[in-house]
Amino acid sequence: MVEKEKLSSRYRRVYEQTPKTPYRRTLEHPAVSEEIKTKLRAVHETFNPLVLKRELERRVERLYAVQKRHGNLDSLR
């Protein structure tokens, strides 16, 4: 979303023509130095979506296991 303006009781929202990730917006922002952009690119190249997904699933399973031992799932919400 690029802009949000209130009209009476409703809001009018204006969105980007081409959606961008926060990573892409950071790389395109003029206030971010080239040194930081270079470091960000190096970190981004090391990401493996499959490994990240598996790690996330493992942590969620651990969370549910702890919750199952100590109480019901309603307390998570």
PDB file of N, CA and C in Angstrom:
ATOM      1  N   MET A   1       0.843  -1.157   0.000  1.00  0.00           N
ATOM      2  CA  MET A   1       0.000   0.000   0.000  1.00  0.00           C
ATOM      3  C   MET A   1       0.898   1.233   0.000  1.00  0.00           C
ATOM      4  N   VAL A   2       0.619   2.143  -0.891  1.00  0.00           N
ATOM      5  CA  VAL A   2       1.418   3.348  -1.035  1.00  0.00           C
ATOM      6  C   VAL A   2       0.776   4.511  -0.282  1.00  0.00           C
ATOM      7  N   GLU A   3      -0.536   4.529  -0.265  1.00  0.00           N
ATOM      8  CA  GLU A   3      -1.240   5.675   0.304  1.00  0.00           C
ATOM      9  C   GLU A   3      -2.556   5.209   0.920  1.00  0.00           C
ATOM     10  N   LYS A   4      -2.958   5.881   1.991  1.00  0.00           N
ATOM     11  CA  LYS A   4      -4.234   5.582   2.634  1.00  0.00           C
ATOM     12  C   LYS A   4      -4.840   6.912   3.043  1.00  0.00           C
ATOM     13  N   GLU A   5      -6.058   7.167   2.591  1.00  0.00           N
ATOM     14  CA  GLU A   5      -6.685   8.447   2.890  1.00  0.00           C
ATOM     15  C   GLU A   5      -8.117   8.207   3.348  1.00  0.00           C
ATOM     16  N   LYS A   6      -8.535   8.956   4.365  1.00  0.00           N
ATOM     17  CA  LYS A   6      -9.865   8.769   4.934  1.00  0.00           C
ATOM     18  C   LYS A   6     -10.868   9.639   4.190  1.00  0.00           C
ATOM     19  N   LEU A   7     -11.942   9.011   3.727  1.00  0.00           N
ATOM     20  CA  LEU A   7     -13.042   9.702   3.064  1.00  0.00           C
ATOM     21  C   LEU A   7     -14.309   9.382   3.842  1.00  0.00           C
ATOM     22  N   SER A   8     -14.800  10.357   4.583  1.00  0.00           N
ATOM     23  CA  SER A   8     -15.951  10.159   5.481  1.00  0.00           C
ATOM     24  C   SER A   8     -15.643   9.037   6.452  1.00  0.00           C
ATOM     25  N   SER A   9     -16.440   7.979   6.417  1.00  0.00           N
ATOM     26  CA  SER A   9     -16.218   6.863   7.341  1.00  0.00           C
ATOM     27  C   SER A   9     -15.442   5.722   6.681  1.00  0.00           C
ATOM     28  N   ARG A  10     -15.022   5.909   5.451  1.00  0.00           N
ATOM     29  CA  ARG A  10     -14.305   4.862   4.727  1.00  0.00           C
ATOM     30  C   ARG A  10     -12.881   5.309   4.410  1.00  0.00           C
ATOM     31  N   TYR A  11     -12.061   4.340   4.036  1.00  0.00           N
ATOM     32  CA  TYR A  11     -10.681   4.626   3.644  1.00  0.00           C
ATOM     33  C   TYR A  11     -10.491   4.306   2.170  1.00  0.00           C
ATOM     34  N   ARG A  12      -9.707   5.127   1.505  1.00  0.00           N
ATOM     35  CA  ARG A  12      -9.328   4.881   0.116  1.00  0.00           C
ATOM     36  C   ARG A  12      -7.862   4.478   0.132  1.00  0.00           C
ATOM     37  N   ARG A  13      -7.555   3.304  -0.394  1.00  0.00           N
ATOM     38  CA  ARG A  13      -6.185   2.795  -0.387  1.00  0.00           C
ATOM     39  C   ARG A  13      -5.638   2.750  -1.806  1.00  0.00           C
ATOM     40  N   VAL A  14      -4.394   3.146  -1.939  1.00  0.00           N
ATOM     41  CA  VAL A  14      -3.715   3.102  -3.235  1.00  0.00           C
ATOM     42  C   VAL A  14      -2.557   2.127  -3.091  1.00  0.00           C
ATOM     43  N   TYR A  15      -2.504   1.169  -3.986  1.00  0.00           N
ATOM     44  CA  TYR A  15      -1.471   0.132  -3.932  1.00  0.00           C
ATOM     45  C   TYR A  15      -0.461   0.325  -5.051  1.00  0.00           C
ATOM     46  N   GLU A  16       0.729  -0.283  -4.874  1.00  0.00           N
ATOM     47  CA  GLU A  16       1.770  -0.243  -5.896  1.00  0.00           C
ATOM     48  C   GLU A  16       1.283  -0.964  -7.150  1.00  0.00           C
ATOM     49  N   GLN A  17       1.782  -0.546  -8.305  1.00  0.00           N
ATOM     50  CA  GLN A  17       1.445  -1.232  -9.547  1.00  0.00           C
ATOM     51  C   GLN A  17       2.018  -2.646  -9.545  1.00  0.00           C
ATOM     52  N   THR A  18       3.273  -2.750  -9.132  1.00  0.00           N
ATOM     53  CA  THR A  18       3.936  -4.046  -9.035  1.00  0.00           C
ATOM     54  C   THR A  18       4.313  -4.265  -7.576  1.00  0.00           C
ATOM     55  N   PRO A  19       3.708  -5.248  -6.919  1.00  0.00           N
ATOM     56  CA  PRO A  19       4.038  -5.493  -5.508  1.00  0.00           C
ATOM     57  C   PRO A  19       5.514  -5.852  -5.333  1.00  0.00           C
ATOM     58  N   LYS A  20       6.103  -5.399  -4.218  1.00  0.00           N
ATOM     59  CA  LYS A  20       7.514  -5.653  -3.940  1.00  0.00           C
ATOM     60  C   LYS A  20       7.658  -6.182  -2.523  1.00  0.00           C
ATOM     61  N   THR A  21       8.664  -6.990  -2.330  1.00  0.00           N
ATOM     62  CA  THR A  21       8.973  -7.480  -0.994  1.00  0.00           C
ATOM     63  C   THR A  21       9.730  -6.395  -0.233  1.00  0.00           C
ATOM     64  N   PRO A  22       9.751  -6.478   1.097  1.00  0.00           N
ATOM     65  CA  PRO A  22      10.547  -5.514   1.856  1.00  0.00           C
ATOM     66  C   PRO A  22      12.025  -5.543   1.449  1.00  0.00           C
ATOM     67  N   TYR A  23      12.527  -6.736   1.105  1.00  0.00           N
ATOM     68  CA  TYR A  23      13.909  -6.869   0.627  1.00  0.00           C
ATOM     69  C   TYR A  23      14.127  -6.015  -0.626  1.00  0.00           C
ATOM     70  N   ARG A  24      13.231  -6.116  -1.589  1.00  0.00           N
ATOM     71  CA  ARG A  24      13.355  -5.369  -2.840  1.00  0.00           C
ATOM     72  C   ARG A  24      13.232  -3.864  -2.593  1.00  0.00           C
ATOM     73  N   ARG A  25      12.299  -3.464  -1.717  1.00  0.00           N
ATOM     74  CA  ARG A  25      12.137  -2.038  -1.412  1.00  0.00           C
ATOM     75  C   ARG A  25      13.394  -1.463  -0.765  1.00  0.00           C
ATOM     76  N   THR A  26      14.013  -2.264   0.114  1.00  0.00           N
ATOM     77  CA  THR A  26      15.240  -1.813   0.766  1.00  0.00           C
ATOM     78  C   THR A  26      16.346  -1.609  -0.251  1.00  0.00           C
ATOM     79  N   LEU A  27      16.478  -2.541  -1.189  1.00  0.00           N
ATOM     80  CA  LEU A  27      17.519  -2.405  -2.214  1.00  0.00           C
ATOM     81  C   LEU A  27      17.289  -1.196  -3.111  1.00  0.00           C
ATOM     82  N   GLU A  28      16.045  -0.828  -3.324  1.00  0.00           N
ATOM     83  CA  GLU A  28      15.731   0.302  -4.201  1.00  0.00           C
ATOM     84  C   GLU A  28      15.744   1.650  -3.484  1.00  0.00           C
ATOM     85  N   HIS A  29      15.759   1.647  -2.157  1.00  0.00           N
ATOM     86  CA  HIS A  29      15.675   2.902  -1.406  1.00  0.00           C
ATOM     87  C   HIS A  29      17.000   3.678  -1.506  1.00  0.00           C
ATOM     88  N   PRO A  30      16.931   4.971  -1.845  1.00  0.00           N
ATOM     89  CA  PRO A  30      18.161   5.751  -2.022  1.00  0.00           C
ATOM     90  C   PRO A  30      18.897   6.061  -0.717  1.00  0.00           C
ATOM     91  N   ALA A  31      18.227   6.008   0.420  1.00  0.00           N
ATOM     92  CA  ALA A  31      18.880   6.350   1.693  1.00  0.00           C
ATOM     93  C   ALA A  31      19.722   5.203   2.252  1.00  0.00           C
ATOM     94  N   VAL A  32      19.586   4.013   1.691  1.00  0.00           N
ATOM     95  CA  VAL A  32      20.354   2.856   2.169  1.00  0.00           C
ATOM     96  C   VAL A  32      21.688   2.825   1.434  1.00  0.00           C
ATOM     97  N   SER A  33      22.781   2.726   2.192  1.00  0.00           N
ATOM     98  CA  SER A  33      24.112   2.768   1.581  1.00  0.00           C
ATOM     99  C   SER A  33      24.410   1.483   0.797  1.00  0.00           C
ATOM    100  N   GLU A  34      25.331   1.591  -0.137  1.00  0.00           N
ATOM    101  CA  GLU A  34      25.720   0.439  -0.956  1.00  0.00           C
ATOM    102  C   GLU A  34      26.354  -0.657  -0.111  1.00  0.00           C
ATOM    103  N   GLU A  35      27.049  -0.270   0.947  1.00  0.00           N
ATOM    104  CA  GLU A  35      27.670  -1.262   1.834  1.00  0.00           C
ATOM    105  C   GLU A  35      26.600  -2.149   2.486  1.00  0.00           C
ATOM    106  N   ILE A  36      25.547  -1.530   2.958  1.00  0.00           N
ATOM    107  CA  ILE A  36      24.460  -2.283   3.585  1.00  0.00           C
ATOM    108  C   ILE A  36      23.743  -3.141   2.545  1.00  0.00           C
ATOM    109  N   LYS A  37      23.538  -2.600   1.362  1.00  0.00           N
ATOM    110  CA  LYS A  37      22.885  -3.365   0.298  1.00  0.00           C
ATOM    111  C   LYS A  37      23.707  -4.590  -0.079  1.00  0.00           C
ATOM    112  N   THR A  38      25.030  -4.448  -0.126  1.00  0.00           N
ATOM    113  CA  THR A  38      25.909  -5.571  -0.446  1.00  0.00           C
ATOM    114  C   THR A  38      25.808  -6.659   0.623  1.00  0.00           C
ATOM    115  N   LYS A  39      25.819  -6.257   1.888  1.00  0.00           N
ATOM    116  CA  LYS A  39      25.677  -7.227   2.984  1.00  0.00           C
ATOM    117  C   LYS A  39      24.322  -7.921   2.925  1.00  0.00           C
ATOM    118  N   LEU A  40      23.287  -7.158   2.639  1.00  0.00           N
ATOM    119  CA  LEU A  40      21.944  -7.716   2.548  1.00  0.00           C
ATOM    120  C   LEU A  40      21.841  -8.733   1.418  1.00  0.00           C
ATOM    121  N   ARG A  41      22.440  -8.425   0.270  1.00  0.00           N
ATOM    122  CA  ARG A  41      22.435  -9.372  -0.856  1.00  0.00           C
ATOM    123  C   ARG A  41      23.159 -10.668  -0.492  1.00  0.00           C
ATOM    124  N   ALA A  42      24.280 -10.547   0.214  1.00  0.00           N
ATOM    125  CA  ALA A  42      25.056 -11.731   0.610  1.00  0.00           C
ATOM    126  C   ALA A  42      24.241 -12.629   1.540  1.00  0.00           C
ATOM    127  N   VAL A  43      23.543 -12.028   2.500  1.00  0.00           N
ATOM    128  CA  VAL A  43      22.707 -12.814   3.418  1.00  0.00           C
ATOM    129  C   VAL A  43      21.541 -13.438   2.660  1.00  0.00           C
ATOM    130  N   HIS A  44      20.931 -12.672   1.774  1.00  0.00           N
ATOM    131  CA  HIS A  44      19.765 -13.154   1.018  1.00  0.00           C
ATOM    132  C   HIS A  44      20.120 -14.351   0.136  1.00  0.00           C
ATOM    133  N   GLU A  45      21.313 -14.364  -0.415  1.00  0.00           N
ATOM    134  CA  GLU A  45      21.736 -15.479  -1.273  1.00  0.00           C
ATOM    135  C   GLU A  45      21.894 -16.784  -0.501  1.00  0.00           C
ATOM    136  N   THR A  46      22.136 -16.694   0.811  1.00  0.00           N
ATOM    137  CA  THR A  46      22.330 -17.905   1.606  1.00  0.00           C
ATOM    138  C   THR A  46      21.013 -18.545   2.025  1.00  0.00           C
ATOM    139  N   PHE A  47      19.905 -17.839   1.876  1.00  0.00           N
ATOM    140  CA  PHE A  47      18.611 -18.386   2.285  1.00  0.00           C
ATOM    141  C   PHE A  47      18.185 -19.513   1.370  1.00  0.00           C
ATOM    142  N   ASN A  48      17.676 -20.572   1.981  1.00  0.00           N
ATOM    143  CA  ASN A  48      17.114 -21.696   1.246  1.00  0.00           C
ATOM    144  C   ASN A  48      15.680 -21.852   1.736  1.00  0.00           C
ATOM    145  N   PRO A  49      14.686 -21.570   0.895  1.00  0.00           N
ATOM    146  CA  PRO A  49      13.295 -21.614   1.337  1.00  0.00           C
ATOM    147  C   PRO A  49      12.882 -22.960   1.940  1.00  0.00           C
ATOM    148  N   LEU A  50      13.381 -24.047   1.408  1.00  0.00           N
ATOM    149  CA  LEU A  50      13.022 -25.360   1.932  1.00  0.00           C
ATOM    150  C   LEU A  50      13.558 -25.553   3.352  1.00  0.00           C
ATOM    151  N   VAL A  51      14.779 -25.145   3.587  1.00  0.00           N
ATOM    152  CA  VAL A  51      15.371 -25.256   4.926  1.00  0.00           C
ATOM    153  C   VAL A  51      14.616 -24.355   5.905  1.00  0.00           C
ATOM    154  N   LEU A  52      14.278 -23.147   5.483  1.00  0.00           N
ATOM    155  CA  LEU A  52      13.529 -22.233   6.340  1.00  0.00           C
ATOM    156  C   LEU A  52      12.155 -22.803   6.687  1.00  0.00           C
ATOM    157  N   LYS A  53      11.488 -23.400   5.713  1.00  0.00           N
ATOM    158  CA  LYS A  53      10.169 -23.995   5.942  1.00  0.00           C
ATOM    159  C   LYS A  53      10.263 -25.144   6.942  1.00  0.00           C
ATOM    160  N   ARG A  54      11.253 -26.000   6.775  1.00  0.00           N
ATOM    161  CA  ARG A  54      11.415 -27.127   7.693  1.00  0.00           C
ATOM    162  C   ARG A  54      11.712 -26.652   9.111  1.00  0.00           C
ATOM    163  N   GLU A  55      12.538 -25.632   9.242  1.00  0.00           N
ATOM    164  CA  GLU A  55      12.869 -25.086  10.555  1.00  0.00           C
ATOM    165  C   GLU A  55      11.625 -24.493  11.211  1.00  0.00           C
ATOM    166  N   LEU A  56      10.834 -23.781  10.453  1.00  0.00           N
ATOM    167  CA  LEU A  56       9.602 -23.203  10.974  1.00  0.00           C
ATOM    168  C   LEU A  56       8.649 -24.300  11.444  1.00  0.00           C
ATOM    169  N   GLU A  57       8.468 -25.336  10.632  1.00  0.00           N
ATOM    170  CA  GLU A  57       7.591 -26.442  11.004  1.00  0.00           C
ATOM    171  C   GLU A  57       8.094 -27.151  12.255  1.00  0.00           C
ATOM    172  N   ARG A  58       9.405 -27.321  12.385  1.00  0.00           N
ATOM    173  CA  ARG A  58       9.983 -27.971  13.560  1.00  0.00           C
ATOM    174  C   ARG A  58       9.692 -27.153  14.814  1.00  0.00           C
ATOM    175  N   ARG A  59       9.835 -25.845  14.715  1.00  0.00           N
ATOM    176  CA  ARG A  59       9.596 -24.989  15.873  1.00  0.00           C
ATOM    177  C   ARG A  59       8.120 -24.953  16.261  1.00  0.00           C
ATOM    178  N   VAL A  60       7.233 -24.957  15.270  1.00  0.00           N
ATOM    179  CA  VAL A  60       5.797 -24.983  15.559  1.00  0.00           C
ATOM    180  C   VAL A  60       5.427 -26.293  16.252  1.00  0.00           C
ATOM    181  N   GLU A  61       5.983 -27.407  15.794  1.00  0.00           N
ATOM    182  CA  GLU A  61       5.724 -28.694  16.437  1.00  0.00           C
ATOM    183  C   GLU A  61       6.201 -28.687  17.889  1.00  0.00           C
ATOM    184  N   ARG A  62       7.368 -28.111  18.133  1.00  0.00           N
ATOM    185  CA  ARG A  62       7.871 -28.016  19.514  1.00  0.00           C
ATOM    186  C   ARG A  62       6.947 -27.173  20.377  1.00  0.00           C
ATOM    187  N   LEU A  63       6.458 -26.084  19.812  1.00  0.00           N
ATOM    188  CA  LEU A  63       5.535 -25.220  20.534  1.00  0.00           C
ATOM    189  C   LEU A  63       4.269 -25.978  20.901  1.00  0.00           C
ATOM    190  N   TYR A  64       3.696 -26.698  19.965  1.00  0.00           N
ATOM    191  CA  TYR A  64       2.484 -27.472  20.236  1.00  0.00           C
ATOM    192  C   TYR A  64       2.746 -28.583  21.245  1.00  0.00           C
ATOM    193  N   ALA A  65       3.906 -29.196  21.211  1.00  0.00           N
ATOM    194  CA  ALA A  65       4.235 -30.247  22.171  1.00  0.00           C
ATOM    195  C   ALA A  65       4.300 -29.676  23.587  1.00  0.00           C
ATOM    196  N   VAL A  66       4.920 -28.528  23.736  1.00  0.00           N
ATOM    197  CA  VAL A  66       4.995 -27.888  25.053  1.00  0.00           C
ATOM    198  C   VAL A  66       3.600 -27.498  25.516  1.00  0.00           C
ATOM    199  N   GLN A  67       2.828 -26.929  24.620  1.00  0.00           N
ATOM    200  CA  GLN A  67       1.480 -26.501  24.974  1.00  0.00           C
ATOM    201  C   GLN A  67       0.606 -27.695  25.348  1.00  0.00           C
ATOM    202  N   LYS A  68       0.765 -28.798  24.670  1.00  0.00           N
ATOM    203  CA  LYS A  68      -0.024 -30.000  24.945  1.00  0.00           C
ATOM    204  C   LYS A  68       0.290 -30.527  26.347  1.00  0.00           C
ATOM    205  N   ARG A  69       1.557 -30.426  26.754  1.00  0.00           N
ATOM    206  CA  ARG A  69       1.953 -30.881  28.085  1.00  0.00           C
ATOM    207  C   ARG A  69       1.459 -29.966  29.187  1.00  0.00           C
ATOM    208  N   HIS A  70       1.355 -28.665  28.902  1.00  0.00           N
ATOM    209  CA  HIS A  70       1.082 -27.695  29.962  1.00  0.00           C
ATOM    210  C   HIS A  70      -0.279 -27.023  29.889  1.00  0.00           C
ATOM    211  N   GLY A  71      -1.106 -27.364  28.962  1.00  0.00           N
ATOM    212  CA  GLY A  71      -2.420 -26.729  28.920  1.00  0.00           C
ATOM    213  C   GLY A  71      -3.077 -26.877  27.570  1.00  0.00           C
ATOM    214  N   ASN A  72      -4.212 -26.234  27.405  1.00  0.00           N
ATOM    215  CA  ASN A  72      -4.930 -26.358  26.146  1.00  0.00           C
ATOM    216  C   ASN A  72      -4.423 -25.347  25.111  1.00  0.00           C
ATOM    217  N   LEU A  73      -4.830 -25.538  23.875  1.00  0.00           N
ATOM    218  CA  LEU A  73      -4.347 -24.687  22.775  1.00  0.00           C
ATOM    219  C   LEU A  73      -5.033 -23.320  22.749  1.00  0.00           C
ATOM    220  N   ASP A  74      -6.165 -23.167  23.445  1.00  0.00           N
ATOM    221  CA  ASP A  74      -6.872 -21.877  23.447  1.00  0.00           C
ATOM    222  C   ASP A  74      -6.042 -20.771  24.086  1.00  0.00           C
ATOM    223  N   SER A  75      -5.146 -21.112  24.985  1.00  0.00           N
ATOM    224  CA  SER A  75      -4.352 -20.087  25.646  1.00  0.00           C
ATOM    225  C   SER A  75      -3.304 -19.474  24.729  1.00  0.00           C
ATOM    226  N   LEU A  76      -3.034 -20.081  23.556  1.00  0.00           N
ATOM    227  CA  LEU A  76      -2.098 -19.516  22.592  1.00  0.00           C
ATOM    228  C   LEU A  76      -2.707 -18.356  21.838  1.00  0.00           C
ATOM    229  N   ARG A  77      -3.996 -18.286  21.779  1.00  0.00           N
ATOM    230  CA  ARG A  77      -4.654 -17.270  20.953  1.00  0.00           C
ATOM    231  C   ARG A  77      -4.982 -16.051  21.729  1.00  0.00           C
TER     232      ARG A  77
END
